[in-house]
Amino acid sequence: MTRANAAELCTNGGENEAKLAGPPGVGLGVVTGAPTALCEARDRLGTWLTRYALPLWWERGADLAGGGFVDRLAQDGAPARDYPKRVRVQARQAYVYGLAAAQGWMTGADRAARHALEGLAAMKASDGLYRPAQAREGVLDGMGVLYDQAFALLALATGFATFQEPEFEQEASALRDRLAAFAHPLGGFAEAPGLAAPLFANPNMHLFESFQAWCATSCDSAWAELAAGQARLALERLIDPNTGVLHEVYAPNWRPLSAADRMIWPGHLFEWGYLLLAWKGGGAAERAAGLRLIEAAERTGINRRGVAIFALDGALNPVERSARLWAQTERMRATALAASLTGEAGLWSAALEASQTLEAFLETPTPGLWRDWMDEAGAVREEPAPASSFYHIVGAIAGLQRLLDGG
């Protein structure tokens, strides 16, 4: 893939089938300096989303008899069997279709959003937390109970923004109260109440995202306080001041693991960077940290084909050179936002490169689906498309649309 000539610019772009807005909590202004090719990619991605992906996942992915959404669709568009329904999928599909309903992207999107929210509600356990029917007993990887609550909060914020029903805010406030038991005395949240280690950055990142969404939706100042706390956690505990990156796992009291045990995901560097830049309560420190995270990911996490790889070790050397789709989406929206703030042509080129890679993941026999893994040579893995990726795709396309269109 070739980088765009930054001299070929667009400002507000051309017409598209749908004018997409950014995700809740993110406000972006009109920008100049974006390559024309990136504006063209925006239009193609918007058309793919509104014409194919949104209708397909509602028609094929919604389980109207059993409730909620299926976890995956096979590459022929049929529901993939033998995959249990997950909390995060119901929550993420509520976000996807709630945003679609609010922006008028798809006829019937409000019904799809409501269906996903009902599927999420069915997963609420007696302790007030959201849990899948098939529990992940004994697994501590940062994508368990705390992770699922973060996405439940995002879904509830989307539901409240879309339907303006107070029950969503009441439920979110109750869930927030229950999460107080997970709070770590040094900031952030532990994987379980009273668990000293391991501590994970990933669910704390998604809590930061969800708190920001509630800041944009609710008048309750507690959400802004929580979001500010997550920003402090990143700056004071998670980000290594020497390298400017953060790791996936931490020892007790948010101490770094030994160098040999550290793991870094470039996609999460982009995602944290984006959230720090987009945080309306942030200042110069958050902006500097966000830009440095994005710069580090660009410098160490992109292979020679212009693809964001999966994992680095503590010395920022590649340890998993294959690539996931979601990392490309996070690169696209993070570098585009950083470019709009700094005016750096190289960041615009990176956003274009990420959009081209994302489009490669979206090349499937059934339009509206995607591939999840790509190896170092560019070959994609033949497997069903995971519904969980839709949230990443929609967030990235929506963010890019709003950035370039000044919406």
Protein backbone atom coordinates (compact mmCIF):
# COMPACT_ATOMS: atom_id res chain seq x y z
CA MET A 1 0.00 0.00 0.00
CA THR A 2 1.18 3.47 -0.73
CA ARG A 3 0.83 6.49 1.50
CA ALA A 4 -1.28 9.36 0.21
CA ASN A 5 0.18 12.48 -1.24
CA ALA A 6 -0.64 14.95 1.50
CA ALA A 7 -0.85 17.73 -1.08
CA GLU A 8 -4.09 16.23 -2.39
CA LEU A 9 -6.50 17.51 0.21
CA CYS A 10 -10.17 17.66 1.02
CA THR A 11 -11.92 19.72 3.65
CA ASN A 12 -15.51 18.68 4.26
CA GLY A 13 -15.69 15.95 1.64
CA GLY A 14 -18.40 14.95 -0.80
CA GLU A 15 -21.88 13.57 -0.56
CA ASN A 16 -22.53 10.18 1.01
CA GLU A 17 -25.58 8.03 1.59
CA ALA A 18 -25.48 8.74 5.33
CA LYS A 19 -23.93 11.52 7.36
CA LEU A 20 -22.37 9.67 10.24
CA ALA A 21 -21.77 11.16 13.65
CA GLY A 22 -19.06 10.32 16.12
CA PRO A 23 -19.49 7.93 19.03
CA PRO A 24 -21.03 9.25 22.25
CA GLY A 25 -18.69 11.46 24.21
CA VAL A 26 -16.55 12.58 21.30
CA GLY A 27 -16.88 16.05 19.85
CA LEU A 28 -14.80 16.91 16.82
CA GLY A 29 -14.75 20.08 14.75
CA VAL A 30 -14.19 20.88 11.10
CA VAL A 31 -10.69 20.04 9.95
CA THR A 32 -8.59 20.77 6.90
CA GLY A 33 -5.62 18.98 5.45
CA ALA A 34 -7.08 15.50 5.03
CA PRO A 35 -5.98 13.69 1.85
CA THR A 36 -8.64 13.44 -0.83
CA ALA A 37 -8.12 9.68 -0.86
CA LEU A 38 -9.10 9.51 2.81
CA CYS A 39 -12.33 11.37 2.06
CA GLU A 40 -13.02 8.89 -0.70
CA ALA A 41 -12.39 6.03 1.72
CA ARG A 42 -14.81 7.65 4.14
CA ASP A 43 -17.49 7.60 1.46
CA ARG A 44 -16.86 3.95 0.54
CA LEU A 45 -16.89 2.85 4.17
CA GLY A 46 -20.08 4.79 4.82
CA THR A 47 -21.80 3.13 1.88
CA TRP A 48 -20.59 -0.31 2.98
CA LEU A 49 -21.96 0.33 6.45
CA THR A 50 -25.39 1.67 5.52
CA ARG A 51 -26.09 -0.43 2.45
CA TYR A 52 -24.72 -3.79 3.56
CA ALA A 53 -23.46 -4.24 7.11
CA LEU A 54 -26.24 -2.71 9.20
CA PRO A 55 -29.08 -4.48 7.33
CA LEU A 56 -27.22 -7.80 7.19
CA TRP A 57 -26.45 -8.06 10.90
CA TRP A 58 -30.03 -7.16 11.79
CA GLU A 59 -31.56 -9.59 9.30
CA ARG A 60 -29.15 -12.48 9.89
CA GLY A 61 -27.54 -11.76 13.27
CA ALA A 62 -30.58 -10.99 15.42
CA ASP A 63 -32.04 -14.01 17.18
CA LEU A 64 -35.69 -12.95 17.21
CA ALA A 65 -36.81 -16.23 18.79
CA GLY A 66 -34.13 -16.70 21.42
CA GLY A 67 -33.29 -13.06 22.10
CA GLY A 68 -30.25 -10.91 21.50
CA PHE A 69 -27.71 -11.28 18.71
CA VAL A 70 -25.69 -14.30 17.66
CA ASP A 71 -21.97 -14.22 18.30
CA ARG A 72 -20.82 -14.76 14.69
CA LEU A 73 -21.96 -15.07 11.12
CA ALA A 74 -20.38 -17.56 8.72
CA GLN A 75 -18.93 -16.08 5.55
CA ASP A 76 -22.09 -17.05 3.65
CA GLY A 77 -24.12 -14.92 6.06
CA ALA A 78 -25.66 -17.79 8.03
CA PRO A 79 -25.53 -17.73 11.85
CA ALA A 80 -22.50 -19.67 13.04
CA ARG A 81 -23.40 -22.45 15.44
CA ASP A 82 -21.74 -23.53 18.68
CA TYR A 83 -20.80 -20.03 19.83
CA PRO A 84 -22.40 -18.96 23.11
CA LYS A 85 -23.95 -15.51 23.37
CA ARG A 86 -21.72 -13.02 25.13
CA VAL A 87 -22.58 -9.95 27.19
CA ARG A 88 -20.21 -7.77 25.19
CA VAL A 89 -21.86 -8.68 21.89
CA GLN A 90 -25.34 -7.67 23.09
CA ALA A 91 -23.90 -4.44 24.52
CA ARG A 92 -21.88 -3.63 21.43
CA GLN A 93 -24.77 -4.30 19.07
CA ALA A 94 -26.91 -2.00 21.21
CA TYR A 95 -24.26 0.67 20.68
CA VAL A 96 -24.08 0.01 16.92
CA TYR A 97 -27.81 0.15 16.31
CA GLY A 98 -28.48 2.86 18.86
CA LEU A 99 -26.07 5.09 16.99
CA ALA A 100 -27.67 4.01 13.72
CA ALA A 101 -31.12 4.90 15.06
CA ALA A 102 -30.03 8.28 16.36
CA GLN A 103 -28.47 9.21 13.01
CA GLY A 104 -31.11 7.71 10.74
CA TRP A 105 -28.66 5.35 9.06
CA MET A 106 -31.08 2.44 8.72
CA THR A 107 -34.84 2.04 8.75
CA GLY A 108 -35.74 -0.02 11.80
CA ALA A 109 -32.46 0.62 13.60
CA ASP A 110 -34.38 1.63 16.72
CA ARG A 111 -36.00 -1.79 16.82
CA ALA A 112 -32.61 -3.46 16.42
CA ALA A 113 -31.16 -1.35 19.23
CA ARG A 114 -34.08 -2.18 21.49
CA HIS A 115 -33.68 -5.87 20.69
CA ALA A 116 -29.99 -5.78 21.66
CA LEU A 117 -30.75 -3.89 24.87
CA GLU A 118 -33.37 -6.48 25.78
CA GLY A 119 -30.83 -9.22 25.09
CA LEU A 120 -28.40 -7.46 27.42
CA ALA A 121 -31.04 -7.05 30.13
CA ALA A 122 -31.69 -10.80 30.02
CA MET A 123 -28.05 -11.33 31.04
CA LYS A 124 -28.35 -9.37 34.27
CA ALA A 125 -27.63 -11.67 37.21
CA SER A 126 -29.08 -11.60 40.71
CA ASP A 127 -26.06 -9.64 41.99
CA GLY A 128 -26.85 -6.79 39.60
CA LEU A 129 -23.90 -7.51 37.29
CA TYR A 130 -24.16 -8.67 33.69
CA ARG A 131 -22.92 -12.21 33.17
CA PRO A 132 -23.04 -14.67 30.25
CA ALA A 133 -25.03 -17.86 30.60
CA GLN A 134 -21.81 -19.86 30.23
CA ALA A 135 -19.45 -18.37 32.82
CA ARG A 136 -15.69 -18.19 32.19
CA GLU A 137 -14.73 -19.78 35.48
CA GLY A 138 -11.16 -19.25 36.63
CA VAL A 139 -10.11 -17.19 33.57
CA LEU A 140 -8.24 -13.96 34.35
CA ASP A 141 -7.30 -12.23 31.10
CA GLY A 142 -8.78 -8.77 31.47
CA MET A 143 -11.85 -9.65 29.41
CA GLY A 144 -14.10 -11.06 32.11
CA VAL A 145 -16.69 -9.57 34.46
CA LEU A 146 -15.23 -6.06 34.70
CA TYR A 147 -14.82 -5.87 30.92
CA ASP A 148 -18.45 -6.86 30.39
CA GLN A 149 -19.70 -4.24 32.84
CA ALA A 150 -17.82 -1.56 30.92
CA PHE A 151 -19.72 -2.47 27.77
CA ALA A 152 -23.02 -2.72 29.62
CA LEU A 153 -22.47 0.89 30.70
CA LEU A 154 -21.73 1.90 27.08
CA ALA A 155 -24.91 0.19 25.88
CA LEU A 156 -26.98 1.89 28.57
CA ALA A 157 -25.51 5.27 27.64
CA THR A 158 -26.42 4.65 24.01
CA GLY A 159 -29.90 3.52 24.99
CA PHE A 160 -30.44 6.64 27.07
CA ALA A 161 -29.13 8.92 24.31
CA THR A 162 -31.30 7.22 21.70
CA PHE A 163 -34.57 6.67 23.53
CA GLN A 164 -34.40 9.27 26.33
CA GLU A 165 -35.90 6.82 28.81
CA PRO A 166 -34.86 7.38 32.46
CA GLU A 167 -34.71 3.67 33.18
CA PHE A 168 -31.41 3.45 31.29
CA GLU A 169 -29.81 6.11 33.47
CA GLN A 170 -31.21 4.53 36.62
CA GLU A 171 -29.79 1.15 35.66
CA ALA A 172 -26.41 2.68 34.81
CA SER A 173 -26.28 4.47 38.17
CA ALA A 174 -27.07 1.22 39.97
CA LEU A 175 -24.35 -0.61 38.03
CA ARG A 176 -21.91 2.21 38.81
CA ASP A 177 -22.64 1.75 42.51
CA ARG A 178 -21.94 -1.99 42.27
CA LEU A 179 -18.65 -1.34 40.52
CA ALA A 180 -17.47 0.63 43.54
CA ALA A 181 -16.52 -2.74 45.04
CA PHE A 182 -14.05 -3.21 42.16
CA ALA A 183 -12.34 0.17 42.70
CA HIS A 184 -8.60 0.01 43.37
CA PRO A 185 -7.26 2.27 46.15
CA LEU A 186 -4.60 3.68 43.81
CA GLY A 187 -7.06 4.37 40.99
CA GLY A 188 -8.84 2.38 38.37
CA PHE A 189 -10.61 -0.91 38.91
CA ALA A 190 -9.49 -4.44 39.76
CA GLU A 191 -10.65 -7.52 37.91
CA ALA A 192 -12.69 -8.57 40.95
CA PRO A 193 -13.40 -7.05 44.36
CA GLY A 194 -10.36 -7.37 46.59
CA LEU A 195 -8.20 -9.00 43.89
CA ALA A 196 -4.66 -7.63 44.19
CA ALA A 197 -3.34 -9.08 40.94
CA PRO A 198 -3.28 -9.43 38.08
CA LEU A 199 -4.52 -5.97 37.15
CA PHE A 200 -5.50 -5.21 33.56
CA ALA A 201 -5.41 -2.05 31.47
CA ASN A 202 -7.97 -3.22 28.90
CA PRO A 203 -11.18 -3.14 30.99
CA ASN A 204 -10.08 0.16 32.52
CA MET A 205 -9.73 1.59 29.02
CA HIS A 206 -13.28 0.57 28.18
CA LEU A 207 -14.56 1.99 31.45
CA PHE A 208 -12.88 5.27 30.44
CA GLU A 209 -14.76 5.07 27.14
CA SER A 210 -18.09 4.36 28.83
CA PHE A 211 -17.65 7.07 31.44
CA GLN A 212 -16.99 9.53 28.62
CA ALA A 213 -20.17 8.37 26.87
CA TRP A 214 -22.16 9.05 30.03
CA CYS A 215 -20.52 12.46 30.40
CA ALA A 216 -21.99 13.36 27.01
CA THR A 217 -25.40 11.99 27.91
CA SER A 218 -26.08 12.71 31.58
CA CYS A 219 -26.04 15.74 33.88
CA ASP A 220 -24.72 13.56 36.72
CA SER A 221 -21.25 14.93 37.60
CA ALA A 222 -20.18 11.55 39.01
CA TRP A 223 -19.51 10.34 35.47
CA ALA A 224 -17.03 13.16 34.80
CA GLU A 225 -15.26 12.39 38.06
CA LEU A 226 -14.94 8.74 37.10
CA ALA A 227 -13.65 9.60 33.62
CA ALA A 228 -11.09 11.98 35.09
CA GLY A 229 -9.98 9.20 37.42
CA GLN A 230 -9.37 6.88 34.50
CA ALA A 231 -7.32 9.55 32.74
CA ARG A 232 -5.21 9.96 35.91
CA LEU A 233 -4.77 6.19 36.09
CA ALA A 234 -3.36 6.17 32.57
CA LEU A 235 -1.00 9.10 33.14
CA GLU A 236 0.16 8.25 36.67
CA ARG A 237 0.08 4.45 36.80
CA LEU A 238 -0.15 2.78 33.41
CA ILE A 239 1.99 4.73 30.96
CA ASP A 240 5.73 4.13 31.26
CA PRO A 241 7.32 7.61 31.42
CA ASN A 242 10.45 6.34 29.67
CA THR A 243 8.81 4.69 26.65
CA GLY A 244 5.44 6.44 26.57
CA VAL A 245 3.59 3.12 26.19
CA LEU A 246 1.40 1.07 28.48
CA HIS A 247 1.19 -2.66 29.01
CA GLU A 248 -1.67 -5.12 29.11
CA VAL A 249 -1.08 -6.60 32.58
CA TYR A 250 0.21 -5.13 35.86
CA ALA A 251 1.41 -6.46 39.19
CA PRO A 252 -0.17 -5.43 42.53
CA ASN A 253 -0.59 -1.68 43.05
CA TRP A 254 -0.24 -1.15 39.30
CA ARG A 255 3.47 -1.97 39.33
CA PRO A 256 4.92 -3.10 35.98
CA LEU A 257 5.64 -6.77 35.46
CA SER A 258 9.19 -7.90 34.85
CA ALA A 259 10.51 -6.92 31.42
CA ALA A 260 10.28 -10.53 30.24
CA ASP A 261 6.59 -10.75 31.12
CA ARG A 262 5.37 -7.48 29.64
CA MET A 263 3.04 -7.50 26.67
CA ILE A 264 2.00 -4.52 24.53
CA TRP A 265 -0.80 -4.43 21.98
CA PRO A 266 -0.35 -1.65 19.41
CA GLY A 267 -4.10 -1.55 18.84
CA HIS A 268 -4.61 -0.61 22.47
CA LEU A 269 -1.96 2.12 22.23
CA PHE A 270 -4.05 3.65 19.45
CA GLU A 271 -7.26 3.15 21.41
CA TRP A 272 -5.94 4.70 24.63
CA GLY A 273 -4.42 7.52 22.58
CA TYR A 274 -7.73 8.27 20.93
CA LEU A 275 -9.63 8.28 24.22
CA LEU A 276 -7.12 10.61 25.86
CA LEU A 277 -7.29 13.02 22.93
CA ALA A 278 -11.09 12.88 22.79
CA TRP A 279 -11.60 13.36 26.55
CA LYS A 280 -13.24 16.77 26.87
CA GLY A 281 -12.08 17.11 30.45
CA GLY A 282 -8.45 16.64 29.49
CA GLY A 283 -5.71 19.19 29.06
CA ALA A 284 -2.15 19.44 27.84
CA ALA A 285 -0.97 16.37 29.78
CA GLU A 286 -3.66 14.11 28.32
CA ARG A 287 -3.02 15.45 24.84
CA ALA A 288 0.73 14.91 25.09
CA ALA A 289 0.28 11.38 26.44
CA GLY A 290 -2.27 10.51 23.76
CA LEU A 291 -0.07 11.74 20.94
CA ARG A 292 2.92 9.90 22.36
CA LEU A 293 0.97 6.63 22.54
CA ILE A 294 -0.08 7.01 18.90
CA GLU A 295 3.46 7.87 17.83
CA ALA A 296 4.84 4.81 19.62
CA ALA A 297 2.27 2.54 18.00
CA GLU A 298 3.08 3.97 14.58
CA ARG A 299 6.81 3.55 15.14
CA THR A 300 6.82 0.03 16.57
CA GLY A 301 3.52 -1.66 15.71
CA ILE A 302 3.15 -1.25 11.92
CA ASN A 303 4.64 -3.85 9.61
CA ARG A 304 6.20 -3.24 6.21
CA ARG A 305 2.81 -3.74 4.53
CA GLY A 306 1.28 -0.90 6.56
CA VAL A 307 -0.73 -3.15 8.88
CA ALA A 308 -1.01 -2.79 12.67
CA ILE A 309 0.25 -6.06 14.12
CA PHE A 310 -1.14 -7.77 17.20
CA ALA A 311 1.53 -7.77 19.94
CA LEU A 312 4.95 -6.53 21.05
CA ASP A 313 7.13 -7.54 23.97
CA GLY A 314 8.36 -5.23 26.71
CA ALA A 315 11.24 -4.07 24.51
CA LEU A 316 8.79 -3.11 21.74
CA ASN A 317 9.81 -6.01 19.51
CA PRO A 318 7.12 -7.93 17.57
CA VAL A 319 6.03 -11.20 19.15
CA GLU A 320 2.79 -11.74 17.21
CA ARG A 321 3.07 -10.42 13.67
CA SER A 322 -0.44 -11.39 12.61
CA ALA A 323 -3.06 -8.65 12.65
CA ARG A 324 -6.59 -8.26 13.99
CA LEU A 325 -9.22 -6.17 12.25
CA TRP A 326 -10.02 -4.09 15.33
CA ALA A 327 -6.47 -2.71 15.56
CA GLN A 328 -6.82 -1.22 12.07
CA THR A 329 -10.01 0.57 13.05
CA GLU A 330 -8.39 2.04 16.15
CA ARG A 331 -5.39 3.15 14.12
CA MET A 332 -7.60 4.87 11.57
CA ARG A 333 -9.59 6.97 14.01
CA ALA A 334 -6.66 7.69 16.34
CA THR A 335 -4.28 8.90 13.66
CA ALA A 336 -7.02 10.94 11.96
CA LEU A 337 -7.86 12.69 15.22
CA ALA A 338 -4.18 13.25 15.98
CA ALA A 339 -3.66 14.65 12.47
CA SER A 340 -6.56 17.06 12.90
CA LEU A 341 -5.03 18.35 16.14
CA THR A 342 -1.42 18.60 14.98
CA GLY A 343 -1.69 19.15 11.23
CA GLU A 344 0.99 16.51 10.64
CA ALA A 345 0.81 15.12 7.10
CA GLY A 346 2.36 11.84 8.20
CA LEU A 347 -0.56 11.19 10.54
CA TRP A 348 -3.05 11.85 7.75
CA SER A 349 -1.12 9.36 5.62
CA ALA A 350 -1.26 6.83 8.45
CA ALA A 351 -5.04 7.27 8.68
CA LEU A 352 -5.35 6.66 4.95
CA GLU A 353 -3.14 3.59 5.15
CA ALA A 354 -5.28 2.23 8.00
CA SER A 355 -8.45 2.84 5.98
CA GLN A 356 -6.99 0.88 3.07
CA THR A 357 -6.07 -2.00 5.37
CA LEU A 358 -9.53 -1.95 6.93
CA GLU A 359 -11.10 -2.18 3.49
CA ALA A 360 -8.96 -5.26 2.82
CA PHE A 361 -10.45 -6.92 5.93
CA LEU A 362 -13.94 -6.06 4.63
CA GLU A 363 -13.44 -7.83 1.29
CA THR A 364 -15.66 -10.90 1.76
CA PRO A 365 -17.95 -13.06 -0.39
CA THR A 366 -20.96 -11.63 1.45
CA PRO A 367 -20.89 -7.82 1.57
CA GLY A 368 -21.33 -6.57 5.13
CA LEU A 369 -19.10 -9.19 6.75
CA TRP A 370 -15.38 -9.09 7.55
CA ARG A 371 -12.29 -11.13 8.24
CA ASP A 372 -10.88 -11.03 11.75
CA TRP A 373 -7.24 -12.17 11.32
CA MET A 374 -4.59 -11.51 8.67
CA ASP A 375 -1.14 -13.07 8.68
CA GLU A 376 2.13 -11.28 8.02
CA ALA A 377 1.93 -12.05 4.28
CA GLY A 378 -1.59 -10.64 3.99
CA ALA A 379 -3.53 -13.91 3.90
CA VAL A 380 -6.80 -13.84 5.84
CA ARG A 381 -8.03 -16.56 8.14
CA GLU A 382 -11.10 -18.46 6.91
CA GLU A 383 -13.56 -18.35 9.80
CA PRO A 384 -16.89 -16.74 10.77
CA ALA A 385 -17.07 -12.99 11.26
CA PRO A 386 -17.30 -12.07 14.97
CA ALA A 387 -20.14 -9.69 15.82
CA SER A 388 -17.93 -8.09 18.49
CA SER A 389 -15.88 -6.37 15.77
CA PHE A 390 -18.86 -4.36 14.52
CA TYR A 391 -18.55 -1.90 17.39
CA HIS A 392 -14.94 -1.15 16.43
CA ILE A 393 -15.83 -0.72 12.77
CA VAL A 394 -18.78 1.57 13.42
CA GLY A 395 -16.86 3.65 15.96
CA ALA A 396 -14.01 4.18 13.53
CA ILE A 397 -16.19 4.99 10.52
CA ALA A 398 -18.40 7.29 12.56
CA GLY A 399 -15.43 9.09 14.06
CA LEU A 400 -13.82 9.58 10.66
CA GLN A 401 -17.09 10.79 9.13
CA ARG A 402 -17.68 13.33 11.86
CA LEU A 403 -14.08 14.52 11.76
CA LEU A 404 -14.05 15.09 8.01
CA ASP A 405 -17.61 16.38 7.73
CA GLY A 406 -17.42 18.68 10.76
CA GLY A 407 -20.63 17.23 12.17
